[in-house]
């Protein structure tokens, strides 16, 4: 794109050659580093494009090959100015337009963000604005490396970010990382206890004394791994009890009660098909209303369609046109069919299950039943699951300080 613009500003020609040896003419142009492009055979000769400067260098080649070049058409700014040389106002306008385009090319007029999932475009753009990166800023004031570093520092869940400038456009690409769930860790002595009723399915103890084994039925609050360790002396004599930080991987089979209900009758939004449109133009965020309907509907949705003016793919200008559509709707009493209600109930249950799975819960059985009671859809039942027992309980001093042997206390009586 840039090469085309440069060629247009310098001017170029469409030339046809005829003569005894047009092939030799082409070869000599290549040998002399005279650029020709879009070469094609036409009859007994050739047609091609060549710059004005290149055309002036053809004289010795033409004499040597006994060919005759004909200029079929002229392209570019020099010829345009020559054609309209008597129209000074037009020429001045063209020059001013070129100057204006050049000045606008020194700024960022569009910030595009792609790849984000959790973070919205609005949130990222607000963060950038707070860090003095916005539409209308000079390119020389934008540091892509600094933008990348600040985004990574602000959003730990963003694993990769790329910022680059193309034309008048700042492109920011983001890839989010699925961060592992933060595991609670303790530095003070503690027990591991059951956070609900269940059955132990596996236990691997790294620190502390296990109080249960696979298959043990436990109730909420039961100690699974004790943080009080017996320190034994000779002849298995208890010297003292010492508190430690319990550490273990424990899986237990338990359940979640699920209950949800909703009415079959509801109010549905329905569009009437009537709509009105308004038109506006924005120049660097300054909006000018071109047309707006005098009256709109009592109930309506607003849908904006923005079209930013640009030259090519990445040369955006600070001018945009907006079409605002006002779509009328009505609120109509409706009733879900049993099939529709059943599908809605299943989707809500699946969302609940997905959240459990995100938290590391394994679903073993789904015993939730969907039924209809009067004018309501009711989903209820149990989800049998396997999950980690990671609830900690602080150790009271009385659990380990009240038993000390005479040998340890230093009493000989």
Protein backbone atom coordinates (compact mmCIF):
# COMPACT_ATOMS: atom_id res chain seq x y z
CA UNK A 1 0.00 0.00 0.00
CA UNK A 2 2.79 2.41 0.94
CA UNK A 3 4.72 1.59 -2.27
CA UNK A 4 1.63 2.38 -4.35
CA UNK A 5 1.27 5.76 -2.64
CA UNK A 6 4.94 6.59 -3.26
CA UNK A 7 4.61 5.63 -6.94
CA UNK A 8 1.51 7.81 -7.28
CA UNK A 9 3.23 10.83 -5.72
CA UNK A 10 6.25 10.44 -8.03
CA UNK A 11 4.20 9.66 -11.14
CA UNK A 12 4.40 6.65 -13.47
CA UNK A 13 3.54 5.70 -17.06
CA UNK A 14 1.82 2.92 -18.98
CA UNK A 15 4.16 2.21 -21.91
CA UNK A 16 3.90 -0.02 -24.99
CA UNK A 17 7.02 -1.02 -26.94
CA UNK A 18 7.30 -2.29 -30.49
CA UNK A 19 10.29 -3.16 -32.62
CA UNK A 20 12.71 -5.86 -33.68
CA UNK A 21 13.73 -7.18 -30.26
CA UNK A 22 11.29 -6.36 -27.42
CA UNK A 23 12.53 -9.35 -25.37
CA UNK A 24 16.07 -7.97 -25.42
CA UNK A 25 14.67 -4.59 -24.36
CA UNK A 26 13.10 -6.17 -21.27
CA UNK A 27 16.32 -8.04 -20.40
CA UNK A 28 18.42 -4.88 -20.68
CA UNK A 29 16.00 -3.01 -18.40
CA UNK A 30 16.53 -5.72 -15.80
CA UNK A 31 20.31 -5.57 -16.25
CA UNK A 32 20.31 -1.78 -15.83
CA UNK A 33 18.10 -2.03 -12.68
CA UNK A 34 15.31 -0.08 -14.36
CA UNK A 35 12.11 -1.12 -12.58
CA UNK A 36 9.16 -2.14 -14.76
CA UNK A 37 6.07 -3.92 -13.46
CA UNK A 38 2.87 -5.61 -14.63
CA UNK A 39 4.60 -6.65 -17.86
CA UNK A 40 2.32 -8.35 -20.40
CA UNK A 41 2.54 -9.25 -24.07
CA UNK A 42 0.23 -7.35 -26.42
CA UNK A 43 0.37 -8.46 -30.03
CA UNK A 44 3.97 -8.29 -31.21
CA UNK A 45 5.03 -5.99 -28.40
CA UNK A 46 4.75 -5.54 -24.65
CA UNK A 47 2.98 -3.23 -22.23
CA UNK A 48 4.28 -2.34 -18.78
CA UNK A 49 4.32 0.33 -16.10
CA UNK A 50 7.44 2.38 -15.44
CA UNK A 51 8.34 5.39 -13.30
CA UNK A 52 8.96 8.77 -14.94
CA UNK A 53 12.60 8.63 -13.88
CA UNK A 54 12.95 5.11 -15.30
CA UNK A 55 11.42 6.18 -18.61
CA UNK A 56 14.09 8.87 -18.98
CA UNK A 57 16.77 6.18 -18.68
CA UNK A 58 15.42 4.16 -21.62
CA UNK A 59 17.07 6.18 -24.45
CA UNK A 60 20.30 4.09 -24.78
CA UNK A 61 18.35 0.83 -24.48
CA UNK A 62 15.89 1.93 -27.17
CA UNK A 63 18.75 2.74 -29.56
CA UNK A 64 20.50 -0.55 -28.88
CA UNK A 65 17.40 -2.73 -29.34
CA UNK A 66 15.80 -0.65 -32.12
CA UNK A 67 12.47 -0.57 -30.32
CA UNK A 68 9.99 2.27 -30.06
CA UNK A 69 8.21 3.08 -26.75
CA UNK A 70 4.79 4.72 -26.78
CA UNK A 71 3.26 6.38 -23.72
CA UNK A 72 -0.34 5.16 -23.51
CA UNK A 73 -1.32 6.74 -20.20
CA UNK A 74 0.08 8.89 -17.41
CA UNK A 75 -0.66 8.38 -13.71
CA UNK A 76 0.18 10.20 -10.50
CA UNK A 77 0.32 13.56 -8.78
CA UNK A 78 2.75 15.35 -11.19
CA UNK A 79 0.43 14.77 -14.15
CA UNK A 80 -2.65 15.64 -12.12
CA UNK A 81 -1.11 18.98 -11.13
CA UNK A 82 -0.04 19.62 -14.71
CA UNK A 83 -3.53 18.86 -16.01
CA UNK A 84 -5.11 21.30 -13.57
CA UNK A 85 -2.28 23.86 -13.51
CA UNK A 86 -4.68 26.65 -14.48
CA UNK A 87 -7.05 25.77 -11.66
CA UNK A 88 -5.02 27.14 -8.77
CA UNK A 89 -7.74 26.71 -6.17
CA UNK A 90 -8.04 23.02 -7.00
CA UNK A 91 -4.28 22.56 -6.91
CA UNK A 92 -4.04 24.32 -3.56
CA UNK A 93 -6.86 22.13 -2.26
CA UNK A 94 -5.03 18.97 -3.34
CA UNK A 95 -1.84 20.13 -1.63
CA UNK A 96 -3.70 21.05 1.55
CA UNK A 97 -5.46 17.68 1.52
CA UNK A 98 -2.13 15.89 1.25
CA UNK A 99 -0.69 17.98 4.08
CA UNK A 100 -3.76 17.27 6.23
CA UNK A 101 -3.52 13.52 5.59
CA UNK A 102 0.16 13.61 6.53
CA UNK A 103 -0.55 15.49 9.76
CA UNK A 104 -3.30 13.03 10.70
CA UNK A 105 -0.91 10.14 10.03
CA UNK A 106 1.17 11.33 13.01
CA UNK A 107 -1.58 10.41 15.49
CA UNK A 108 -3.40 7.32 16.76
CA UNK A 109 -7.06 7.42 15.71
CA UNK A 110 -8.13 3.85 16.44
CA UNK A 111 -7.34 1.43 19.29
CA UNK A 112 -8.31 -2.17 18.50
CA UNK A 113 -8.30 -4.88 21.18
CA UNK A 114 -8.63 -8.58 20.41
CA UNK A 115 -8.40 -11.86 22.30
CA UNK A 116 -9.82 -10.79 25.70
CA UNK A 117 -12.45 -12.98 27.41
CA UNK A 118 -13.02 -11.84 30.97
CA UNK A 119 -11.96 -8.25 30.43
CA UNK A 120 -14.15 -6.07 28.21
CA UNK A 121 -12.88 -3.64 25.60
CA UNK A 122 -14.26 -0.80 27.70
CA UNK A 123 -12.25 -1.91 30.75
CA UNK A 124 -9.00 -2.16 28.77
CA UNK A 125 -9.61 1.18 27.03
CA UNK A 126 -10.33 2.86 30.38
CA UNK A 127 -7.10 1.44 31.79
CA UNK A 128 -5.18 2.73 28.76
CA UNK A 129 -6.74 6.18 29.08
CA UNK A 130 -5.77 6.30 32.76
CA UNK A 131 -2.23 5.64 31.55
CA UNK A 132 -2.37 8.43 28.94
CA UNK A 133 -2.98 6.20 25.91
CA UNK A 134 -6.06 7.30 23.95
CA UNK A 135 -7.33 8.10 20.47
CA UNK A 136 -5.78 11.35 19.30
CA UNK A 137 -2.41 10.85 20.99
CA UNK A 138 0.76 11.39 18.96
CA UNK A 139 2.46 8.19 17.83
CA UNK A 140 5.84 9.33 19.18
CA UNK A 141 4.37 9.43 22.69
CA UNK A 142 3.22 5.80 22.53
CA UNK A 143 5.58 3.09 23.79
CA UNK A 144 4.29 -0.35 22.83
CA UNK A 145 6.69 -2.05 25.25
CA UNK A 146 5.44 0.12 28.11
CA UNK A 147 1.81 -0.67 27.24
CA UNK A 148 2.56 -4.41 27.29
CA UNK A 149 4.35 -4.18 30.66
CA UNK A 150 1.56 -2.15 32.28
CA UNK A 151 -1.22 -4.46 31.07
CA UNK A 152 0.62 -7.53 32.36
CA UNK A 153 1.23 -5.83 35.71
CA UNK A 154 -2.42 -4.76 36.04
CA UNK A 155 -4.01 -8.05 34.93
CA UNK A 156 -2.20 -11.13 36.32
CA UNK A 157 -4.55 -13.46 34.41
CA UNK A 158 -3.28 -12.11 31.08
CA UNK A 159 -0.42 -14.38 30.09
CA UNK A 160 0.54 -12.76 26.78
CA UNK A 161 0.00 -9.30 25.32
CA UNK A 162 1.24 -7.64 22.15
CA UNK A 163 0.98 -3.97 21.19
CA UNK A 164 1.93 -2.57 17.79
CA UNK A 165 1.19 0.47 15.64
CA UNK A 166 0.00 0.04 12.08
CA UNK A 167 -0.84 3.19 10.19
CA UNK A 168 -2.94 5.27 12.56
CA UNK A 169 -4.11 2.18 14.43
CA UNK A 170 -2.88 0.79 17.75
CA UNK A 171 -3.39 -2.98 17.79
CA UNK A 172 -3.46 -4.75 21.16
CA UNK A 173 -3.69 -8.55 21.19
CA UNK A 174 -4.32 -10.39 24.44
CA UNK A 175 -4.26 -14.03 25.52
CA UNK A 176 -5.63 -14.86 28.93
CA UNK A 177 -4.16 -17.63 31.05
CA UNK A 178 -6.30 -20.09 32.96
CA UNK A 179 -4.87 -19.36 36.37
CA UNK A 180 -4.94 -22.29 38.81
CA UNK A 181 -7.22 -21.86 41.77
CA UNK A 182 -5.36 -20.45 44.74
CA UNK A 183 -4.89 -23.15 47.38
CA UNK A 184 -5.22 -22.00 50.95
CA UNK A 185 -1.94 -22.43 52.83
CA UNK A 186 -1.29 -22.03 56.53
CA UNK A 187 1.86 -21.08 58.38
CA UNK A 188 0.47 -21.54 61.90
CA UNK A 189 -0.21 -24.97 63.48
CA UNK A 190 -3.62 -26.34 62.49
CA UNK A 191 -5.84 -29.39 61.96
CA UNK A 192 -7.55 -30.34 58.71
CA UNK A 193 -11.27 -30.88 59.35
CA UNK A 194 -14.26 -31.99 57.28
CA UNK A 195 -16.21 -29.09 55.86
CA UNK A 196 -19.33 -31.26 55.44
CA UNK A 197 -20.64 -34.79 55.95
CA UNK A 198 -19.19 -37.43 53.64
CA UNK A 199 -17.05 -40.51 53.06
CA UNK A 200 -13.27 -40.36 52.69
CA UNK A 201 -12.23 -41.72 49.28
CA UNK A 202 -8.48 -41.09 49.49
CA UNK A 203 -5.96 -39.54 51.88
CA UNK A 204 -2.25 -38.81 51.47
CA UNK A 205 -0.72 -37.19 54.56
CA UNK A 206 2.51 -35.22 54.37
CA UNK A 207 2.46 -33.62 57.80
CA UNK A 208 0.35 -34.31 60.89
CA UNK A 209 -1.37 -37.45 62.19
CA UNK A 210 -4.20 -38.90 60.00
CA UNK A 211 -7.36 -39.60 62.01
CA UNK A 212 -9.29 -41.27 59.18
CA UNK A 213 -8.68 -43.69 56.31
CA UNK A 214 -10.30 -44.51 53.00
CA UNK A 215 -13.95 -45.45 53.58
CA UNK A 216 -14.31 -43.59 56.90
CA UNK A 217 -17.67 -41.86 57.31
CA UNK A 218 -17.18 -38.34 58.69
CA UNK A 219 -19.38 -35.50 59.82
CA UNK A 220 -18.87 -31.80 59.39
CA UNK A 221 -16.18 -30.58 61.82
CA UNK A 222 -14.53 -33.98 62.36
CA UNK A 223 -10.72 -33.82 62.49
CA UNK A 224 -9.27 -35.59 59.44
CA UNK A 225 -5.59 -34.84 60.08
CA UNK A 226 -4.47 -33.79 63.55
CA UNK A 227 -1.88 -31.07 63.89
CA UNK A 228 -0.82 -32.31 67.35
CA UNK A 229 2.12 -34.73 67.06
CA UNK A 230 3.36 -36.95 69.90
CA UNK A 231 7.11 -36.70 70.54
CA UNK A 232 8.18 -40.05 72.00
CA UNK A 233 11.31 -40.84 74.00
CA UNK A 234 12.99 -44.09 74.99
CA UNK A 235 10.74 -47.06 75.76
CA UNK A 236 7.89 -45.29 73.91
CA UNK A 237 7.56 -42.75 76.69
CA UNK A 238 5.61 -39.63 75.68
CA UNK A 239 7.91 -36.65 76.11
CA UNK A 240 5.63 -33.92 74.85
CA UNK A 241 3.03 -32.96 72.28
CA UNK A 242 4.03 -30.56 69.53
CA UNK A 243 1.74 -28.54 67.23
CA UNK A 244 2.47 -28.64 63.47
CA UNK A 245 0.90 -27.36 60.26
CA UNK A 246 -1.20 -30.22 58.90
CA UNK A 247 -0.66 -30.94 55.21
CA UNK A 248 -2.52 -33.60 53.25
CA UNK A 249 -4.40 -34.37 50.03
CA UNK A 250 -7.84 -35.60 51.05
CA UNK A 251 -10.74 -36.46 48.75
CA UNK A 252 -14.19 -37.11 50.13
CA UNK A 253 -17.48 -38.22 48.63
CA UNK A 254 -20.30 -35.88 49.58
CA UNK A 255 -23.31 -34.17 48.03
CA UNK A 256 -24.84 -30.80 47.17
CA UNK A 257 -28.53 -30.06 47.51
CA UNK A 258 -29.86 -28.32 44.40
CA UNK A 259 -33.15 -26.45 44.28
CA UNK A 260 -34.51 -24.02 41.71
CA UNK A 261 -37.98 -22.98 40.57
CA UNK A 262 -39.51 -20.43 38.24
CA UNK A 263 -42.95 -19.47 36.93
CA UNK A 264 -44.16 -20.79 33.60
CA UNK A 265 -45.90 -17.48 32.96
CA UNK A 266 -43.63 -14.59 32.07
CA UNK A 267 -43.55 -11.29 30.21
CA UNK A 268 -41.85 -11.54 26.80
CA UNK A 269 -40.25 -8.69 24.88
CA UNK A 270 -41.41 -8.71 21.27
CA UNK A 271 -40.34 -6.30 18.54
CA UNK A 272 -43.16 -4.74 16.51
CA UNK A 273 -41.06 -4.24 13.37
CA UNK A 274 -41.35 -0.46 13.66
CA UNK A 275 -38.09 1.47 13.83
CA UNK A 276 -36.69 4.98 13.39
CA UNK A 277 -33.15 6.02 12.59
CA UNK A 278 -30.95 8.95 13.57
CA UNK A 279 -27.64 9.94 11.96
CA UNK A 280 -24.64 11.66 13.46
CA UNK A 281 -21.00 12.38 12.71
CA UNK A 282 -18.12 12.42 15.20
CA UNK A 283 -14.85 14.28 14.78
CA UNK A 284 -12.40 13.04 17.39
CA UNK A 285 -15.20 12.23 19.89
CA UNK A 286 -17.06 15.50 19.23
CA UNK A 287 -20.51 14.43 18.02
CA UNK A 288 -22.56 16.39 15.49
CA UNK A 289 -26.18 15.30 14.98
CA UNK A 290 -27.11 15.30 11.30
CA UNK A 291 -30.67 14.03 11.71
CA UNK A 292 -32.72 12.86 14.68
CA UNK A 293 -36.42 11.88 14.75
CA UNK A 294 -38.62 14.27 16.71
CA UNK A 295 -40.50 11.49 18.47
CA UNK A 296 -39.57 7.95 19.37
CA UNK A 297 -41.60 5.12 20.85
CA UNK A 298 -42.69 4.52 24.45
CA UNK A 299 -40.66 1.32 24.64
CA UNK A 300 -37.65 0.85 22.44
CA UNK A 301 -34.11 -0.49 22.22
CA UNK A 302 -31.25 1.63 20.92
CA UNK A 303 -28.77 0.02 18.50
CA UNK A 304 -25.76 2.03 17.34
CA UNK A 305 -23.77 1.16 14.23
CA UNK A 306 -20.46 3.06 14.00
CA UNK A 307 -18.48 3.34 10.78
CA UNK A 308 -15.06 4.91 11.13
CA UNK A 309 -13.61 6.61 8.06
CA UNK A 310 -10.37 5.02 6.92
CA UNK A 311 -8.01 4.78 3.96
CA UNK A 312 -7.09 1.16 3.42
CA UNK A 313 -7.00 -1.31 6.31
CA UNK A 314 -5.01 0.52 8.98
CA UNK A 315 -5.09 4.23 8.10
CA UNK A 316 -7.98 5.41 10.26
CA UNK A 317 -9.14 9.02 10.31
CA UNK A 318 -10.66 10.90 13.29
CA UNK A 319 -14.05 10.96 11.57
CA UNK A 320 -16.86 8.46 12.11
CA UNK A 321 -20.50 8.19 11.12
CA UNK A 322 -23.10 6.65 13.43
CA UNK A 323 -26.51 5.25 12.54
CA UNK A 324 -28.73 4.99 15.63
CA UNK A 325 -31.71 2.68 15.28
CA UNK A 326 -34.68 2.95 17.66
CA UNK A 327 -36.53 -0.40 17.58
CA UNK A 328 -40.00 -0.46 19.13
CA UNK A 329 -41.03 -3.43 21.26
CA UNK A 330 -44.01 -4.57 23.34
CA UNK A 331 -44.19 -6.57 26.56
CA UNK A 332 -46.54 -9.49 25.95
CA UNK A 333 -47.76 -11.99 28.58
CA UNK A 334 -46.53 -15.46 27.57
CA UNK A 335 -46.29 -18.99 28.93
CA UNK A 336 -43.40 -21.43 28.57
CA UNK A 337 -44.26 -24.82 27.11
CA UNK A 338 -43.07 -27.79 29.16
CA UNK A 339 -40.34 -28.42 26.59
CA UNK A 340 -39.12 -24.82 26.82
CA UNK A 341 -39.25 -24.80 30.63
CA UNK A 342 -37.45 -28.14 30.81
CA UNK A 343 -34.66 -26.79 28.59
CA UNK A 344 -34.32 -23.63 30.69
CA UNK A 345 -34.14 -25.68 33.90
CA UNK A 346 -31.44 -27.92 32.38
CA UNK A 347 -29.38 -24.92 31.29
CA UNK A 348 -29.56 -23.35 34.76
CA UNK A 349 -28.53 -26.66 36.34
CA UNK A 350 -25.63 -26.97 33.91
CA UNK A 351 -24.39 -23.50 34.85
CA UNK A 352 -24.45 -24.54 38.52
CA UNK A 353 -22.53 -27.75 37.69
CA UNK A 354 -19.98 -25.84 35.60
CA UNK A 355 -19.20 -23.56 38.55
CA UNK A 356 -18.64 -26.59 40.79
CA UNK A 357 -16.31 -28.15 38.21
CA UNK A 358 -14.36 -24.87 37.96
CA UNK A 359 -13.76 -25.15 41.72
CA UNK A 360 -12.28 -28.64 41.35
CA UNK A 361 -15.41 -30.64 42.19
CA UNK A 362 -15.95 -33.96 40.36
CA UNK A 363 -19.59 -34.83 39.63
CA UNK A 364 -20.26 -38.53 40.33
CA UNK A 365 -24.06 -38.65 40.09
CA UNK A 366 -26.76 -36.22 39.02
CA UNK A 367 -29.97 -37.02 40.89
CA UNK A 368 -31.76 -33.75 40.17
CA UNK A 369 -35.34 -34.17 38.96
CA UNK A 370 -37.23 -31.59 36.90
CA UNK A 371 -41.00 -31.57 37.39
CA UNK A 372 -43.99 -29.27 37.05
CA UNK A 373 -46.06 -28.21 40.02
CA UNK A 374 -49.02 -26.06 39.12
CA UNK A 375 -47.77 -23.05 37.18
CA UNK A 376 -44.14 -23.58 38.22
CA UNK A 377 -41.18 -25.57 36.96
CA UNK A 378 -39.26 -27.11 39.87
CA UNK A 379 -35.78 -28.65 39.75
CA UNK A 380 -34.56 -30.32 42.94
CA UNK A 381 -32.35 -33.16 44.10
CA UNK A 382 -28.81 -34.09 45.03
CA UNK A 383 -25.54 -33.96 43.16
CA UNK A 384 -23.20 -36.68 44.42
CA UNK A 385 -19.67 -35.34 44.14
CA UNK A 386 -16.05 -35.89 45.08
CA UNK A 387 -14.11 -32.90 46.31
CA UNK A 388 -11.06 -31.91 48.30
CA UNK A 389 -11.26 -31.38 52.06
CA UNK A 390 -9.20 -28.24 52.63
CA UNK A 391 -10.77 -26.64 55.69
CA UNK A 392 -8.26 -25.74 58.39
CA UNK A 393 -8.89 -25.34 62.11
CA UNK A 394 -6.50 -23.59 64.48
CA UNK A 395 -5.04 -25.62 67.36
CA UNK A 396 -5.88 -24.53 70.88
CA UNK A 397 -2.96 -24.37 73.31
CA UNK A 398 -4.79 -26.70 75.70
CA UNK A 399 -4.55 -29.50 73.12
CA UNK A 400 -0.80 -29.82 73.49
CA UNK A 401 0.46 -27.85 76.53
CA UNK A 402 -1.36 -29.81 79.24
CA UNK A 403 0.62 -33.06 78.85
CA UNK A 404 4.32 -32.86 79.75
CA UNK A 405 6.32 -35.55 81.51
CA UNK A 406 8.35 -34.85 84.65
CA UNK A 407 11.49 -35.60 82.67
CA UNK A 408 10.65 -32.90 80.14
CA UNK A 409 9.58 -30.36 82.80
CA UNK A 410 12.76 -30.89 84.84
CA UNK A 411 11.01 -32.06 88.07
CA UNK A 412 12.80 -34.92 89.96
CA UNK A 413 10.26 -35.27 92.79
